[in-house]
């Protein structure tokens, strides 16, 4: 199972909705050096922002995959 598949599973396991239908979401980041995916709460455990696996300090914020592409019409 790839890191991306693990991320998609974590996205599916969301908590109960808050008032007005707002769902709590955990924010995930991926290390550019090794590809390890970490949650925001895992990153907050350290004094410095760094990957727990390789020590890299550059992260990408992961977003949910788009289910259907949007059509953009030009004028």
Protein backbone atom coordinates (compact mmCIF):
# COMPACT_ATOMS: atom_id res chain seq x y z
CA UNK A 1 0.00 0.00 0.00
CA UNK A 2 1.43 3.36 -0.99
CA UNK A 3 1.62 6.47 1.17
CA UNK A 4 -1.10 8.08 -0.98
CA UNK A 5 -3.49 5.17 -0.32
CA UNK A 6 -2.85 5.55 3.42
CA UNK A 7 -3.65 9.26 3.11
CA UNK A 8 -6.94 8.52 1.36
CA UNK A 9 -7.89 6.05 4.10
CA UNK A 10 -7.13 8.67 6.77
CA UNK A 11 -9.33 11.16 4.90
CA UNK A 12 -12.24 8.69 4.94
CA UNK A 13 -11.97 8.19 8.72
CA UNK A 14 -13.19 11.66 9.67
CA UNK A 15 -14.90 12.50 12.95
CA UNK A 16 -18.52 13.41 13.66
CA UNK A 17 -19.86 16.59 12.00
CA UNK A 18 -19.89 19.82 13.96
CA UNK A 19 -22.93 22.14 14.06
CA UNK A 20 -24.11 23.42 10.66
CA UNK A 21 -22.67 20.35 8.91
CA UNK A 22 -19.02 21.36 9.28
CA UNK A 23 -16.80 18.28 9.47
CA UNK A 24 -13.54 18.38 11.43
CA UNK A 25 -10.59 17.62 9.16
CA UNK A 26 -7.02 16.80 9.95
CA UNK A 27 -4.47 18.56 7.76
CA UNK A 28 -1.77 16.35 6.24
CA UNK A 29 1.68 17.30 4.95
CA UNK A 30 4.11 15.30 2.78
CA UNK A 31 7.88 15.57 3.09
CA UNK A 32 9.44 16.47 -0.27
CA UNK A 33 12.63 14.62 0.56
CA UNK A 34 11.29 11.13 1.41
CA UNK A 35 7.52 11.31 0.72
CA UNK A 36 6.49 10.54 4.32
CA UNK A 37 2.98 11.81 5.15
CA UNK A 38 2.46 13.44 8.56
CA UNK A 39 -0.52 15.10 10.18
CA UNK A 40 -0.44 18.61 11.59
CA UNK A 41 -0.67 17.22 15.13
CA UNK A 42 2.42 15.05 14.52
CA UNK A 43 4.37 18.07 13.25
CA UNK A 44 3.36 20.10 16.32
CA UNK A 45 5.05 17.57 18.62
CA UNK A 46 8.51 18.80 17.59
CA UNK A 47 10.11 22.15 18.44
CA UNK A 48 11.14 22.60 14.80
CA UNK A 49 9.20 21.64 11.70
CA UNK A 50 11.01 18.59 10.37
CA UNK A 51 10.27 15.11 9.05
CA UNK A 52 10.45 12.39 11.69
CA UNK A 53 11.82 9.93 9.13
CA UNK A 54 14.56 11.80 7.25
CA UNK A 55 14.89 15.21 8.94
CA UNK A 56 13.74 17.13 5.84
CA UNK A 57 12.20 20.55 6.38
CA UNK A 58 10.23 21.16 3.18
CA UNK A 59 6.62 19.96 3.17
CA UNK A 60 3.68 20.01 0.77
CA UNK A 61 0.17 20.43 2.09
CA UNK A 62 -1.91 17.56 0.73
CA UNK A 63 -5.37 18.15 -0.63
CA UNK A 64 -8.18 15.73 -1.28
CA UNK A 65 -8.28 14.40 -4.82
CA UNK A 66 -10.82 16.04 -7.10
CA UNK A 67 -13.68 13.65 -7.83
CA UNK A 68 -14.70 15.22 -11.12
CA UNK A 69 -12.86 17.80 -13.18
CA UNK A 70 -14.38 21.26 -13.45
CA UNK A 71 -15.21 22.75 -16.81
CA UNK A 72 -14.07 26.31 -17.35
CA UNK A 73 -15.59 28.18 -20.24
CA UNK A 74 -13.76 31.05 -21.86
CA UNK A 75 -15.59 34.20 -22.93
